[in-house]
Structure formats: structure tokens, C-alpha cells
């Protein structure tokens, strides 16, 4: 046997072995798993349903906002909102024609914000720019110069941001049930309002968790919500415990009010999903304006997928998770860097990618100098990306998102981007997937977050036993006892009434 023949055989055998090993390794990594994919959009008829622009968290001069109810309603209408919840602190919204307020909270806020009027809607009247309007308790409608009705905006009933005097911003927005009006207190106490809203049949959400957790003050993405840190472990355990106990709590706020304080809360969202989904429930992400002034009204919002704009359909969409969170802002340098790299790799949206990269560099420079101040703002005049349809194929183990005016769709599992493109084949990423995947859609006009697609399959992550005991109750007891005692004294001696008299003169 000559040497050339032996050499050829040797090369062939080596190649065969390498190919076999590669195939075996590939098979081992990309297993053909039989997934059951649970989609919150399963009942959405994409040919007939509309996506209604919604703000579930806003403020007026009823507590600490700088715009009256009338101005707040008008400005949201100007920004093409279809649905609005007014959620003043400890003050239930009984109607946009109701001037009721939490006197103690309003007085405290007036010390900081100054004397501000309380102006409400009438059943009909004139807007600040001279248009006629009507309000029937449910819908607000403006009319053009010919008397033709324009879009109507639906009022979400009984909006309230609970825990109005919480010293650590443990805030909860609630809707649909009459709870929490004219209350005070709430330091560290998420469970009391959530438990009561759940009992009454309402819905609620944990607001801007980055404020309560202190994550907003962390410069390094890796440090934020790192559960090796005792404080952040406590926060994750606390929220997971609440979400597991109370279905009425839809989830958390993931991008609001310009995203500075929520810039790490997508990371928290993924941590909570990893903890909570194995117990049998989802954790939804919401985006809102949390507007205290007109300039931030058109910042974060949700897009409700509904057949018609009514209260029953809204509540159903919220309970089912048939909505998208959306925002014109991004405060996370890690996400900006990732977006820039993905767009450049795909060769699309290159100018936007450059803007992401420039903002990333500026944030790094600011952090090195002491504190981040810059937030990326999308062009609000640009066309916003839109989801046209969501389809799930349990046989092929794929999820497809049809989009319009979007540069990028990427898929996240356990807090990491695992794939890009409109379709994900779960079998291709089985080694990286736990109990869910979720998608983010980016375009010139902002970012859209889908709700998580939860997964059931053989070998799925098991639920952890949660033995959480909330030691924050001592903080709640101390802080709320002091506040309630002071307010009681002020009420008993008519001090609040006297101050209110001069404040409203």
C-alpha cells in the first residue's frame, strides 16, 4: 500500500470522525424538545382587533402633578391615547369630573410644588385650544370645527397609586375596584394593597421597582439586582413571593417616565420570570408615563389588543396579557450597546445604531465622572414599530412575530439575548432556554416589549420552594405609625382643614 493511499485514507477517516463528532455535539446541544408554547396573544384576532394606546399611570394637581385633570386628559388626547388611567397618590379616581383629593397628601405635595389649582371636566365644554368636547363618565370626545366627533378616549375606573406616603416609594397602581382612597402610609408595604385589590377583584402592578430597590442608583449593570447582594436578593424574593400569591398583580413596570429609574428593571423582570413561571403563572411587563408634568406624557405606554374599546374588554386584555409594553426611551447602556451591535451586524438601521453607540459612550463617560445623566430618546415623530401578528406552532416549536417599521426583533431567555429575527425555532436554542422566551422589537420610533411566552416540556425548570419572610414589616410599622399619628393629630386639631382653606382660596 503506497504512502499516498494511506495518507488519503487517513485524511478521510479523520474527516469522518470530526464530522461525526460535530453532528453528535450538534444533536446534543440542539435537542428536538416537544414544547408546549403558551402565548398571551392566543385569543387575539389579528384581522379584526385593534391596538389601543394606553397610559395606566398618570398624575394631576389632585396630588403632586403640575397639570389639572382637564389638562392631563386633553394632553393625553393630543398624543393620540385611546385609554387613560389617572392614578393620583392615595386618591381614587371617581371620574374626570370629580375634584376629590387626598387633603393630607395634597398639602404635603404643595409644600414642594407650590399652590396648584384643581380643575376638572364638565359633561361638555371647551378645550384649551378652543375645541368642543363631551365627557359621559366613560368616554372623552373632542369635535372638529364642523362638529364631527374625533377619537374617543376611555377612562379606566378607580385608578389609584397606593401607598401615598411610602418613604421608599413602594408604590402600586390599581384599577377597577374602589380601594385605597384617602389613605396614608405604605412604606415597604406592597402586600397590603395588592392583597386587598386581589380580594376585591381588581388589577394592579408593582410600579418602578428600581426606586424601591435602589437599583436606579447603581452604575454597573452587573451589580444591579445581583442576588449575591443581600439587599437585591431580598427584593427579588419579596416580589416573587407577592406575584406567586396574588394573581391580581399583573407584574412589574419595566420602562416608565424616561427609563432612568427603570433602566435595570428589565433585568429584574427576567429574574422574576425565572422564579415565578415554574410555579404556574406569568409575569407581565408594563410601560407607562407616570407623568407628573406634560413633557413626559408621551414616554411609556401599553398597546392593548382588543376587539372594541370598552372596560370589560380592557380588563380581559390586561388579565390575559394581550398587550405590548412600549417606550420612546432607553436608559440602559448595556442594552444600547447590544442594540447597536445587533443592528450593525444585520446591516440595517445604521444611523440609529450609531446613535445608540454614541449614547452608550456618553453614559460611560458620565459614569466615570460620577453619575449617569443621559438617556436615549427615540424620535417621537418617526413611525413607531408595530406588531402585525403573533403566531405559535407547537408542532415545529416556533414563534413568529410579524412586524412593520421595525429594524430588529430579538429574543431573550433567562435574561440573555439568544436569537434575532422574526421567527425563533426553540429547538435551535434548547440549551439556552428555561421556562420562557420574550421578544423586543426596535425601530426608529421606539421599542416594543412582548409579554413572555411560557414553555412547558419534559425537563422544564422546577419551582423553587419559597420560604420568604418579609422582615420589612418592622419598617412599615415604624414609619406608618409615625405618619398616621401625625396626620391624626393634625386632623383632630383642624390644622389640615385650616391649611386647606388657605390653599384653595
Protein backbone atom coordinates (compact mmCIF):
# COMPACT_ATOMS: atom_id res chain seq x y z
CA UNK A 1 0.00 0.00 0.00
CA UNK A 2 1.66 3.24 -1.08
CA UNK A 3 2.07 6.22 1.18
CA UNK A 4 -0.28 8.47 -0.81
CA UNK A 5 -3.13 5.97 -0.49
CA UNK A 6 -2.53 5.59 3.25
CA UNK A 7 -2.45 9.35 3.60
CA UNK A 8 -5.73 9.72 1.70
CA UNK A 9 -7.42 7.06 3.84
CA UNK A 10 -6.10 8.73 6.98
CA UNK A 11 -7.45 12.13 5.93
CA UNK A 12 -10.83 10.62 5.01
CA UNK A 13 -11.15 8.79 8.34
CA UNK A 14 -10.14 11.88 10.27
CA UNK A 15 -12.71 13.97 8.43
CA UNK A 16 -15.38 11.33 9.05
CA UNK A 17 -14.59 11.27 12.77
CA UNK A 18 -14.68 15.08 13.00
CA UNK A 19 -17.96 15.21 11.07
CA UNK A 20 -19.50 12.52 13.27
CA UNK A 21 -18.38 14.30 16.44
CA UNK A 22 -19.73 17.61 15.16
CA UNK A 23 -23.08 16.03 14.32
CA UNK A 24 -23.28 14.31 17.68
CA UNK A 25 -22.33 17.51 19.51
CA UNK A 26 -24.88 19.46 17.49
CA UNK A 27 -27.53 16.88 18.26
CA UNK A 28 -26.65 17.01 21.94
CA UNK A 29 -26.84 20.80 22.05
CA UNK A 30 -29.90 21.38 19.83
CA UNK A 31 -32.29 18.76 21.12
CA UNK A 32 -35.67 18.25 19.47
CA UNK A 33 -37.75 19.11 22.53
CA UNK A 34 -41.54 18.83 22.47
CA UNK A 35 -42.53 22.31 23.69
CA UNK A 36 -45.98 23.47 24.61
CA UNK A 37 -45.87 27.22 23.95
CA UNK A 38 -48.29 29.38 25.93
CA UNK A 39 -48.99 32.71 24.23
CA UNK A 40 -50.82 35.59 25.89
CA UNK A 41 -51.94 36.55 22.36
CA UNK A 42 -53.64 33.23 21.62
CA UNK A 43 -57.13 34.74 21.59
CA UNK A 44 -56.24 37.85 19.57
CA UNK A 45 -57.83 38.01 16.12
CA UNK A 46 -55.17 39.99 14.26
CA UNK A 47 -57.53 40.71 11.36
CA UNK A 48 -60.14 42.49 13.49
CA UNK A 49 -58.58 43.53 16.82
CA UNK A 50 -57.07 46.98 17.22
CA UNK A 51 -54.14 48.03 19.38
CA UNK A 52 -55.24 50.82 21.70
CA UNK A 53 -52.60 53.21 23.03
CA UNK A 54 -52.96 53.26 26.82
CA UNK A 55 -51.45 55.10 29.79
CA UNK A 56 -52.18 53.28 33.05
CA UNK A 57 -50.26 55.64 35.34
CA UNK A 58 -50.58 59.44 35.38
CA UNK A 59 -50.87 62.26 37.90
CA UNK A 60 -52.65 65.59 38.23
CA UNK A 61 -52.77 68.53 40.62
CA UNK A 62 -55.01 66.31 42.72
CA UNK A 63 -51.74 65.30 44.42
CA UNK A 64 -48.29 66.03 43.00
CA UNK A 65 -48.81 66.63 39.28
CA UNK A 66 -48.45 70.04 37.68
CA UNK A 67 -51.39 69.64 35.26
CA UNK A 68 -55.04 69.64 36.24
CA UNK A 69 -57.32 66.72 35.42
CA UNK A 70 -58.70 68.67 32.49
CA UNK A 71 -55.22 69.48 31.18
CA UNK A 72 -53.99 65.92 31.70
CA UNK A 73 -56.93 64.47 29.76
CA UNK A 74 -56.51 66.99 26.93
CA UNK A 75 -52.77 66.40 26.60
CA UNK A 76 -53.14 62.61 26.50
CA UNK A 77 -55.81 63.05 23.85
CA UNK A 78 -53.41 65.26 21.84
CA UNK A 79 -50.85 62.44 21.94
CA UNK A 80 -53.41 60.02 20.47
CA UNK A 81 -54.03 57.98 23.58
CA UNK A 82 -57.12 55.79 23.40
CA UNK A 83 -57.28 54.84 27.08
CA UNK A 84 -56.18 56.71 30.22
CA UNK A 85 -56.00 55.98 33.93
CA UNK A 86 -55.50 58.87 36.34
CA UNK A 87 -53.74 57.44 39.38
CA UNK A 88 -53.07 60.16 41.93
CA UNK A 89 -51.39 59.15 45.19
CA UNK A 90 -53.84 57.64 47.67
CA UNK A 91 -56.67 59.26 45.72
CA UNK A 92 -59.14 57.07 43.85
CA UNK A 93 -60.33 58.44 40.52
CA UNK A 94 -64.13 58.51 40.69
CA UNK A 95 -64.40 60.43 37.44
CA UNK A 96 -62.69 63.11 35.41
CA UNK A 97 -65.41 65.48 36.58
CA UNK A 98 -64.71 64.77 40.27
CA UNK A 99 -62.46 67.24 42.18
CA UNK A 100 -61.94 64.95 45.20
CA UNK A 101 -58.40 64.75 46.56
CA UNK A 102 -56.45 63.35 49.49
CA UNK A 103 -56.10 66.54 51.52
CA UNK A 104 -53.16 65.39 53.64
CA UNK A 105 -51.21 64.24 50.59
CA UNK A 106 -52.13 67.31 48.53
CA UNK A 107 -50.98 69.64 51.32
CA UNK A 108 -47.68 67.78 51.70
CA UNK A 109 -47.08 67.90 47.95
CA UNK A 110 -47.99 71.61 47.80
CA UNK A 111 -45.10 72.43 50.14
CA UNK A 112 -42.77 71.13 47.43
CA UNK A 113 -44.69 72.03 44.28
CA UNK A 114 -46.50 75.19 45.32
CA UNK A 115 -50.16 76.10 45.16
CA UNK A 116 -51.73 74.46 42.11
CA UNK A 117 -55.39 74.59 41.05
CA UNK A 118 -57.71 71.59 40.75
CA UNK A 119 -59.75 71.81 37.54
CA UNK A 120 -61.95 69.00 36.24
CA UNK A 121 -64.05 68.25 33.18
CA UNK A 122 -67.72 69.04 32.70
CA UNK A 123 -70.20 66.94 30.74
CA UNK A 124 -69.40 69.25 27.85
CA UNK A 125 -67.14 72.21 27.40
CA UNK A 126 -64.25 73.72 25.51
CA UNK A 127 -60.61 72.63 25.39
CA UNK A 128 -57.69 75.00 25.91
CA UNK A 129 -57.32 75.34 22.12
CA UNK A 130 -60.99 76.07 21.54
CA UNK A 131 -62.41 72.68 20.55
CA UNK A 132 -65.72 71.43 21.86
CA UNK A 133 -65.62 68.29 23.99
CA UNK A 134 -68.05 65.93 25.73
CA UNK A 135 -67.50 63.59 28.66
CA UNK A 136 -70.07 61.00 29.76
CA UNK A 137 -68.20 59.36 32.64
CA UNK A 138 -66.63 56.69 30.44
CA UNK A 139 -65.52 58.39 27.23
CA UNK A 140 -63.98 61.77 26.46
CA UNK A 141 -64.50 63.01 22.90
CA UNK A 142 -63.38 66.13 21.06
CA UNK A 143 -65.06 67.60 17.97
CA UNK A 144 -63.65 69.35 14.92
CA UNK A 145 -64.81 72.73 13.62
CA UNK A 146 -67.65 71.03 11.73
CA UNK A 147 -68.93 69.32 14.85
CA UNK A 148 -67.71 65.88 13.81
CA UNK A 149 -66.59 63.58 16.61
CA UNK A 150 -62.91 62.68 16.63
CA UNK A 151 -61.38 59.77 18.55
CA UNK A 152 -62.90 58.93 21.95
CA UNK A 153 -60.67 58.23 24.95
CA UNK A 154 -61.76 55.65 27.51
CA UNK A 155 -61.42 56.31 31.24
CA UNK A 156 -60.07 53.44 33.38
CA UNK A 157 -62.20 53.42 36.56
CA UNK A 158 -60.88 53.73 40.12
CA UNK A 159 -57.25 54.44 39.26
CA UNK A 160 -55.11 54.91 42.37
CA UNK A 161 -51.39 54.86 43.14
CA UNK A 162 -51.40 53.13 46.51
CA UNK A 163 -49.07 53.79 49.48
CA UNK A 164 -49.02 57.59 49.10
CA UNK A 165 -46.65 58.37 51.98
CA UNK A 166 -44.23 55.49 51.45
CA UNK A 167 -40.77 56.76 52.35
CA UNK A 168 -39.14 54.28 49.96
CA UNK A 169 -41.55 54.56 47.01
CA UNK A 170 -43.18 51.15 47.47
CA UNK A 171 -45.90 52.15 45.02
CA UNK A 172 -48.64 50.06 43.43
CA UNK A 173 -51.08 51.21 40.76
CA UNK A 174 -54.54 49.67 40.98
CA UNK A 175 -57.65 49.84 38.78
CA UNK A 176 -61.27 48.68 38.51
CA UNK A 177 -62.04 48.49 42.27
CA UNK A 178 -62.75 51.17 44.84
CA UNK A 179 -59.88 50.71 47.25
CA UNK A 180 -57.33 52.98 48.94
CA UNK A 181 -58.98 56.37 48.70
CA UNK A 182 -57.82 58.98 51.22
CA UNK A 183 -55.29 56.61 52.78
CA UNK A 184 -51.79 57.30 54.06
CA UNK A 185 -48.80 55.10 54.86
CA UNK A 186 -47.34 52.24 52.86
CA UNK A 187 -43.59 52.31 53.50
CA UNK A 188 -42.17 48.97 52.27
CA UNK A 189 -45.71 47.53 52.23
CA UNK A 190 -46.63 46.16 48.81
CA UNK A 191 -48.65 43.27 50.15
CA UNK A 192 -51.49 45.15 51.89
CA UNK A 193 -52.82 46.99 48.82
CA UNK A 194 -52.14 44.07 46.46
CA UNK A 195 -53.90 41.61 48.77
CA UNK A 196 -56.96 43.85 49.08
CA UNK A 197 -57.17 44.64 45.37
CA UNK A 198 -56.90 40.91 44.67
CA UNK A 199 -59.69 40.18 47.15
CA UNK A 200 -61.99 42.80 45.59
CA UNK A 201 -61.43 41.58 42.03
CA UNK A 202 -59.31 44.43 40.70
CA UNK A 203 -55.96 44.50 38.94
CA UNK A 204 -52.68 46.10 39.94
CA UNK A 205 -48.96 46.35 39.16
CA UNK A 206 -45.72 46.97 41.05
CA UNK A 207 -44.57 50.43 39.98
CA UNK A 208 -41.00 51.48 39.11
CA UNK A 209 -39.27 48.83 41.26
CA UNK A 210 -35.90 50.45 40.63
CA UNK A 211 -36.86 53.24 43.01
CA UNK A 212 -37.78 50.97 45.91
CA UNK A 213 -34.87 48.59 45.35
CA UNK A 214 -32.28 51.32 44.92
CA UNK A 215 -31.18 49.76 41.61
CA UNK A 216 -31.63 53.16 39.96
CA UNK A 217 -28.57 54.35 41.88
CA UNK A 218 -26.31 51.51 40.69
CA UNK A 219 -23.89 52.39 37.90
CA UNK A 220 -22.86 48.89 36.85
CA UNK A 221 -25.39 46.67 35.06
CA UNK A 222 -23.82 43.54 36.57
CA UNK A 223 -24.31 44.90 40.09
CA UNK A 224 -27.99 45.78 39.64
CA UNK A 225 -30.23 43.03 41.06
CA UNK A 226 -27.22 40.78 41.65
CA UNK A 227 -28.68 38.30 44.11
CA UNK A 228 -25.28 37.80 45.72
CA UNK A 229 -26.10 41.18 47.23
CA UNK A 230 -28.33 40.58 50.27
CA UNK A 231 -30.47 43.63 49.54
CA UNK A 232 -31.22 42.67 45.95
CA UNK A 233 -31.86 39.05 46.90
CA UNK A 234 -34.42 40.31 49.42
CA UNK A 235 -36.12 42.42 46.74
CA UNK A 236 -36.30 39.54 44.23
CA UNK A 237 -37.58 37.14 46.90
CA UNK A 238 -40.15 39.68 48.09
CA UNK A 239 -41.58 40.41 44.65
CA UNK A 240 -41.56 36.73 43.66
CA UNK A 241 -43.48 35.87 46.82
CA UNK A 242 -46.12 38.53 46.11
CA UNK A 243 -46.53 37.51 42.47
CA UNK A 244 -46.91 33.85 43.39
CA UNK A 245 -49.65 34.66 45.93
CA UNK A 246 -51.79 37.27 44.18
CA UNK A 247 -52.99 36.80 40.57
CA UNK A 248 -54.37 40.36 40.56
CA UNK A 249 -50.81 41.68 40.48
CA UNK A 250 -50.09 41.53 36.77
CA UNK A 251 -46.35 42.06 37.03
CA UNK A 252 -43.98 45.00 37.15
CA UNK A 253 -43.34 48.32 35.48
CA UNK A 254 -40.38 47.75 33.11
CA UNK A 255 -39.95 51.12 31.38
CA UNK A 256 -41.53 54.37 32.53
CA UNK A 257 -41.05 58.12 32.87
CA UNK A 258 -37.98 58.29 30.63
CA UNK A 259 -36.49 55.00 31.92
CA UNK A 260 -33.77 56.42 34.18
CA UNK A 261 -35.12 54.78 37.33
CA UNK A 262 -36.35 51.66 35.48
CA UNK A 263 -33.27 51.13 33.30
CA UNK A 264 -32.32 47.92 35.14
CA UNK A 265 -35.86 46.68 35.73
CA UNK A 266 -35.91 44.52 32.60
CA UNK A 267 -33.17 42.55 34.35
CA UNK A 268 -35.43 42.23 37.39
CA UNK A 269 -38.26 41.13 35.09
CA UNK A 270 -36.15 38.25 33.78
CA UNK A 271 -35.10 37.22 37.28
CA UNK A 272 -38.74 37.17 38.39
CA UNK A 273 -39.78 35.19 35.33
CA UNK A 274 -37.17 32.55 36.11
CA UNK A 275 -38.52 32.31 39.65
CA UNK A 276 -42.25 32.62 39.09
CA UNK A 277 -43.06 30.93 35.75
CA UNK A 278 -42.17 27.44 37.08
CA UNK A 279 -44.88 27.95 39.74
CA UNK A 280 -47.52 28.16 37.02
CA UNK A 281 -48.07 31.85 36.34
CA UNK A 282 -46.66 34.53 34.05
CA UNK A 283 -45.19 37.93 34.97
CA UNK A 284 -46.25 40.74 32.65
CA UNK A 285 -44.20 43.82 31.84
CA UNK A 286 -45.96 47.20 31.65
CA UNK A 287 -44.76 50.59 30.45
CA UNK A 288 -46.36 53.88 31.50
CA UNK A 289 -45.67 57.60 31.56
CA UNK A 290 -46.06 58.09 35.32
CA UNK A 291 -46.47 61.67 34.16
CA UNK A 292 -46.28 64.44 36.73
CA UNK A 293 -45.94 67.08 34.00
CA UNK A 294 -47.00 67.43 30.38
CA UNK A 295 -43.48 66.97 28.99
CA UNK A 296 -43.24 63.29 29.89
CA UNK A 297 -46.78 62.18 28.98
CA UNK A 298 -45.77 60.55 25.70
CA UNK A 299 -42.93 58.43 27.10
CA UNK A 300 -44.01 54.92 28.07
CA UNK A 301 -47.32 53.29 27.16
CA UNK A 302 -49.04 49.98 26.51
CA UNK A 303 -50.82 48.76 23.39
CA UNK A 304 -53.97 46.84 24.34
CA UNK A 305 -55.14 44.24 21.81
CA UNK A 306 -58.94 44.36 21.93
CA UNK A 307 -61.95 43.89 19.65
CA UNK A 308 -63.52 47.08 20.96
CA UNK A 309 -62.69 49.90 23.35
CA UNK A 310 -64.72 49.05 26.46
CA UNK A 311 -63.97 48.49 30.14
CA UNK A 312 -64.77 44.74 30.08
CA UNK A 313 -62.52 44.19 27.05
CA UNK A 314 -59.74 46.25 28.65
CA UNK A 315 -59.83 44.25 31.86
CA UNK A 316 -59.80 40.99 29.90
CA UNK A 317 -56.81 42.10 27.81
CA UNK A 318 -54.91 43.10 30.93
CA UNK A 319 -55.66 39.83 32.74
CA UNK A 320 -54.72 37.77 29.68
CA UNK A 321 -51.57 39.74 28.88
CA UNK A 322 -52.89 40.59 25.43
CA UNK A 323 -50.85 43.76 25.21
CA UNK A 324 -47.41 45.12 24.44
CA UNK A 325 -45.33 47.50 26.53
CA UNK A 326 -43.69 50.31 24.56
CA UNK A 327 -41.42 53.29 25.14
CA UNK A 328 -39.62 56.15 23.43
CA UNK A 329 -36.76 55.95 25.96
CA UNK A 330 -33.85 53.66 26.82
CA UNK A 331 -31.61 54.27 29.82
CA UNK A 332 -29.57 51.06 29.98
CA UNK A 333 -26.09 51.35 28.47
CA UNK A 334 -25.84 47.54 28.27
CA UNK A 335 -28.98 47.34 26.15
CA UNK A 336 -27.91 50.27 23.96
CA UNK A 337 -24.59 48.56 23.30
CA UNK A 338 -26.33 45.29 22.44
CA UNK A 339 -28.80 47.00 20.11
CA UNK A 340 -26.01 48.88 18.31
CA UNK A 341 -24.03 45.68 17.74
CA UNK A 342 -27.08 43.75 16.51
CA UNK A 343 -28.14 46.44 14.03
CA UNK A 344 -24.61 46.79 12.66
CA UNK A 345 -24.27 43.03 12.31
CA UNK A 346 -27.54 42.92 10.36
CA UNK A 347 -26.59 45.96 8.26
CA UNK A 348 -29.87 47.77 8.96
CA UNK A 349 -30.76 50.95 10.84
CA UNK A 350 -27.13 52.01 10.80
CA UNK A 351 -27.80 55.65 11.71
CA UNK A 352 -29.88 54.51 14.67
CA UNK A 353 -27.12 52.07 15.61
CA UNK A 354 -24.62 54.93 15.59
CA UNK A 355 -26.92 56.95 17.85
CA UNK A 356 -27.15 54.02 20.27
CA UNK A 357 -23.35 53.68 20.29
CA UNK A 358 -22.80 57.40 20.82
CA UNK A 359 -25.22 57.45 23.74
CA UNK A 360 -23.52 54.39 25.22
CA UNK A 361 -20.14 56.15 25.11
CA UNK A 362 -21.59 59.28 26.69
CA UNK A 363 -23.15 57.28 29.53
CA UNK A 364 -19.83 55.53 30.19
CA UNK A 365 -18.09 58.91 30.37
CA UNK A 366 -20.74 60.23 32.76
CA UNK A 367 -20.45 57.19 35.00
CA UNK A 368 -16.68 57.58 35.11
CA UNK A 369 -17.24 61.20 36.13
CA UNK A 370 -19.64 60.19 38.90
CA UNK A 371 -23.24 59.73 37.69
CA UNK A 372 -25.22 58.84 34.58
CA UNK A 373 -27.47 61.63 33.36
CA UNK A 374 -28.07 60.81 29.70
CA UNK A 375 -30.98 58.72 28.45
CA UNK A 376 -31.51 57.75 24.82
CA UNK A 377 -34.69 59.24 23.38
CA UNK A 378 -36.18 57.88 20.18
CA UNK A 379 -37.59 60.26 17.58
CA UNK A 380 -41.24 60.66 18.54
CA UNK A 381 -42.01 61.98 15.06
CA UNK A 382 -40.73 58.77 13.47
CA UNK A 383 -43.04 55.89 12.66
CA UNK A 384 -43.27 53.55 15.64
CA UNK A 385 -42.64 49.84 15.09
CA UNK A 386 -45.76 47.73 15.13
CA UNK A 387 -46.62 44.09 15.72
CA UNK A 388 -48.92 42.89 12.96
CA UNK A 389 -49.42 39.34 14.22
CA UNK A 390 -48.07 36.71 16.59
CA UNK A 391 -48.26 33.04 15.66
CA UNK A 392 -47.21 29.92 17.52
CA UNK A 393 -46.54 26.48 16.00
CA UNK A 394 -46.39 23.79 18.68
CA UNK A 395 -45.52 21.12 16.11
CA UNK A 396 -42.49 22.94 14.73
CA UNK A 397 -41.73 24.63 18.09
CA UNK A 398 -41.62 28.08 16.52
CA UNK A 399 -42.88 31.54 17.40
CA UNK A 400 -43.23 34.15 14.66
CA UNK A 401 -43.83 37.86 15.10
CA UNK A 402 -44.96 39.81 12.06
CA UNK A 403 -43.73 43.39 12.26
CA UNK A 404 -43.93 46.69 10.44
CA UNK A 405 -41.41 49.56 10.52
CA UNK A 406 -39.05 47.54 12.69
CA UNK A 407 -35.30 47.11 12.20
CA UNK A 408 -34.84 44.32 14.68
CA UNK A 409 -36.56 41.59 16.64
CA UNK A 410 -34.53 39.79 19.24
CA UNK A 411 -35.39 37.02 21.66
CA UNK A 412 -34.49 36.83 25.33
CA UNK A 413 -34.39 33.79 27.61
CA UNK A 414 -33.19 33.87 31.21
CA UNK A 415 -32.04 37.46 30.75
CA UNK A 416 -29.84 36.84 27.69
CA UNK A 417 -30.38 37.58 24.01
CA UNK A 418 -30.33 34.17 22.34
CA UNK A 419 -31.63 34.88 18.82
CA UNK A 420 -32.56 37.58 16.34
CA UNK A 421 -35.16 37.60 13.58
CA UNK A 422 -38.92 37.49 13.31
CA UNK A 423 -39.07 33.73 13.91
CA UNK A 424 -37.43 31.69 16.62
CA UNK A 425 -37.16 27.90 16.45
CA UNK A 426 -36.95 26.86 20.08
CA UNK A 427 -35.23 23.58 19.20
CA UNK A 428 -32.25 25.56 17.90
CA UNK A 429 -31.75 27.11 21.35
CA UNK A 430 -32.91 24.35 23.67
CA UNK A 431 -29.69 24.51 25.68
CA UNK A 432 -30.26 28.21 26.42
CA UNK A 433 -33.98 28.17 27.19
CA UNK A 434 -35.55 27.77 30.60
CA UNK A 435 -39.23 28.39 31.24
CA UNK A 436 -39.94 31.30 28.87
CA UNK A 437 -38.83 33.46 25.97
CA UNK A 438 -39.81 37.04 25.24
CA UNK A 439 -39.16 39.40 22.35
CA UNK A 440 -38.18 43.03 21.91
CA UNK A 441 -38.86 44.96 18.69
CA UNK A 442 -36.82 48.07 17.86
CA UNK A 443 -37.34 50.71 15.18
CA UNK A 444 -36.80 54.41 14.57
CA UNK A 445 -39.88 55.20 16.65
CA UNK A 446 -39.17 53.24 19.83
CA UNK A 447 -39.03 49.84 21.45
CA UNK A 448 -41.85 47.33 21.97
CA UNK A 449 -41.78 44.52 24.53
CA UNK A 450 -43.91 41.41 24.04
CA UNK A 451 -45.26 39.54 27.02
CA UNK A 452 -43.33 36.35 27.81
CA UNK A 453 -44.19 33.10 26.06
CA UNK A 454 -44.14 30.48 28.81
CA UNK A 455 -42.98 26.96 27.98
CA UNK A 456 -43.94 23.51 29.17
CA UNK A 457 -41.79 20.50 28.32
CA UNK A 458 -40.15 17.44 29.78
CA UNK A 459 -37.24 18.59 31.91
CA UNK A 460 -38.51 22.15 32.34
CA UNK A 461 -37.22 24.11 35.38
CA UNK A 462 -38.90 23.15 38.63
CA UNK A 463 -40.44 25.64 41.04
CA UNK A 464 -38.31 26.68 43.98
CA UNK A 465 -39.70 26.38 47.47
CA UNK A 466 -40.25 29.93 48.69
CA UNK A 467 -39.78 30.29 52.44
CA UNK A 468 -39.65 34.08 52.27
CA UNK A 469 -40.40 36.01 55.45
CA UNK A 470 -40.75 39.76 54.95
CA UNK A 471 -38.77 41.42 57.72
CA UNK A 472 -39.64 44.76 56.17
CA UNK A 473 -42.81 44.72 58.26
CA UNK A 474 -40.91 46.36 61.11
CA UNK A 475 -40.03 49.29 58.83
CA UNK A 476 -43.65 49.56 57.74
CA UNK A 477 -44.91 49.54 61.32
CA UNK A 478 -42.48 52.21 62.49
CA UNK A 479 -42.85 54.59 59.54
CA UNK A 480 -46.61 54.26 59.14
CA UNK A 481 -47.30 54.59 62.87
CA UNK A 482 -45.46 57.90 62.96
CA UNK A 483 -47.14 59.25 59.83
CA UNK A 484 -50.64 58.16 60.86
CA UNK A 485 -50.20 59.62 64.34
CA UNK A 486 -49.10 62.99 62.95
CA UNK A 487 -51.96 63.12 60.44
CA UNK A 488 -54.49 62.19 63.14
CA UNK A 489 -53.25 65.00 65.38
CA UNK A 490 -53.42 67.48 62.51
CA UNK A 491 -56.96 66.36 61.67
CA UNK A 492 -58.16 66.40 65.29
CA UNK A 493 -56.98 69.97 65.74
CA UNK A 494 -58.42 71.01 62.37
CA UNK A 495 -54.96 72.01 61.15
CA UNK A 496 -55.46 70.22 57.83
CA UNK A 497 -58.80 71.96 57.26
CA UNK A 498 -57.29 75.35 58.05
CA UNK A 499 -54.35 74.83 55.70
CA UNK A 500 -56.73 73.51 53.04
CA UNK A 501 -58.89 76.63 53.35
CA UNK A 502 -55.97 78.94 52.62
CA UNK A 503 -54.56 76.61 49.96
CA UNK A 504 -57.80 76.70 47.98
CA UNK A 505 -58.59 80.38 48.45
